[in-house]
């Protein structure tokens, strides 16, 4: 009887059969967590979020130990 060839000399089918279940598990977990979306037409532009800079800087000035200054915007 011929000796078994080393594991390194096996073909890529072993790797493919190992990766397929892992990829399926990854897709199922991502679908359950709702962290992925499929959009064949590309991303859509949403509304730009608003942020109150004055209130944010005042909050930072109260909470942080170093001085916060509001920069002059041209």
Protein backbone atom coordinates (compact mmCIF):
# COMPACT_ATOMS: atom_id res chain seq x y z
CA UNK A 1 0.00 0.00 0.00
CA UNK A 2 1.32 3.44 -0.95
CA UNK A 3 1.95 5.86 1.90
CA UNK A 4 -0.42 8.79 2.22
CA UNK A 5 0.90 11.95 0.61
CA UNK A 6 1.65 14.88 2.95
CA UNK A 7 -1.17 17.30 3.70
CA UNK A 8 0.71 20.07 1.88
CA UNK A 9 0.43 18.19 -1.40
CA UNK A 10 -3.38 17.92 -1.36
CA UNK A 11 -5.16 19.96 -4.00
CA UNK A 12 -7.23 23.11 -3.46
CA UNK A 13 -10.52 21.22 -3.16
CA UNK A 14 -9.79 20.71 0.54
CA UNK A 15 -9.42 24.45 1.04
CA UNK A 16 -12.57 25.21 -0.95
CA UNK A 17 -14.66 22.71 1.04
CA UNK A 18 -13.33 24.27 4.24
CA UNK A 19 -14.02 27.87 3.18
CA UNK A 20 -17.54 27.37 1.80
CA UNK A 21 -19.14 26.61 5.21
CA UNK A 22 -17.21 29.48 6.80
CA UNK A 23 -18.43 31.91 4.14
CA UNK A 24 -22.01 30.71 4.57
CA UNK A 25 -21.79 31.17 8.34
CA UNK A 26 -20.37 34.68 7.80
CA UNK A 27 -23.22 35.62 5.45
CA UNK A 28 -25.85 34.30 7.89
CA UNK A 29 -24.33 36.22 10.84
CA UNK A 30 -24.10 39.43 8.77
CA UNK A 31 -27.72 39.03 7.66
CA UNK A 32 -28.94 38.45 11.21
CA UNK A 33 -26.98 41.46 12.50
CA UNK A 34 -28.31 43.64 9.64
CA UNK A 35 -24.85 45.13 9.15
CA UNK A 36 -24.76 44.50 5.41
CA UNK A 37 -26.98 45.54 2.56
CA UNK A 38 -27.10 44.57 -1.10
CA UNK A 39 -27.50 47.47 -3.48
CA UNK A 40 -26.81 46.54 -7.11
CA UNK A 41 -27.47 50.12 -8.31
CA UNK A 42 -24.86 51.59 -5.97
CA UNK A 43 -25.24 53.72 -2.87
CA UNK A 44 -27.94 56.35 -2.62
CA UNK A 45 -27.29 59.81 -1.23
CA UNK A 46 -29.06 60.47 2.02
CA UNK A 47 -29.64 63.70 3.90
CA UNK A 48 -26.62 65.41 5.42
CA UNK A 49 -26.82 65.19 9.22
CA UNK A 50 -26.91 68.48 11.08
CA UNK A 51 -24.64 69.26 14.00
CA UNK A 52 -24.75 72.21 16.37
CA UNK A 53 -21.09 73.25 16.54
CA UNK A 54 -21.60 75.85 19.27
CA UNK A 55 -23.33 73.39 21.61
CA UNK A 56 -20.74 70.70 20.87
CA UNK A 57 -17.80 72.98 21.63
CA UNK A 58 -19.44 74.27 24.83
CA UNK A 59 -19.99 70.69 26.00
CA UNK A 60 -16.37 69.81 25.20
CA UNK A 61 -15.15 72.89 27.08
CA UNK A 62 -17.06 71.81 30.18
CA UNK A 63 -15.95 68.17 30.07
CA UNK A 64 -12.31 68.36 28.96
CA UNK A 65 -9.32 69.54 30.97
CA UNK A 66 -7.80 71.72 28.24
CA UNK A 67 -9.12 74.95 26.69
CA UNK A 68 -11.42 74.70 23.68
CA UNK A 69 -11.63 77.58 21.24
CA UNK A 70 -14.08 78.11 18.41
CA UNK A 71 -12.10 78.70 15.21
CA UNK A 72 -12.92 81.55 12.86
CA UNK A 73 -14.40 80.21 9.63
CA UNK A 74 -13.90 82.27 6.44
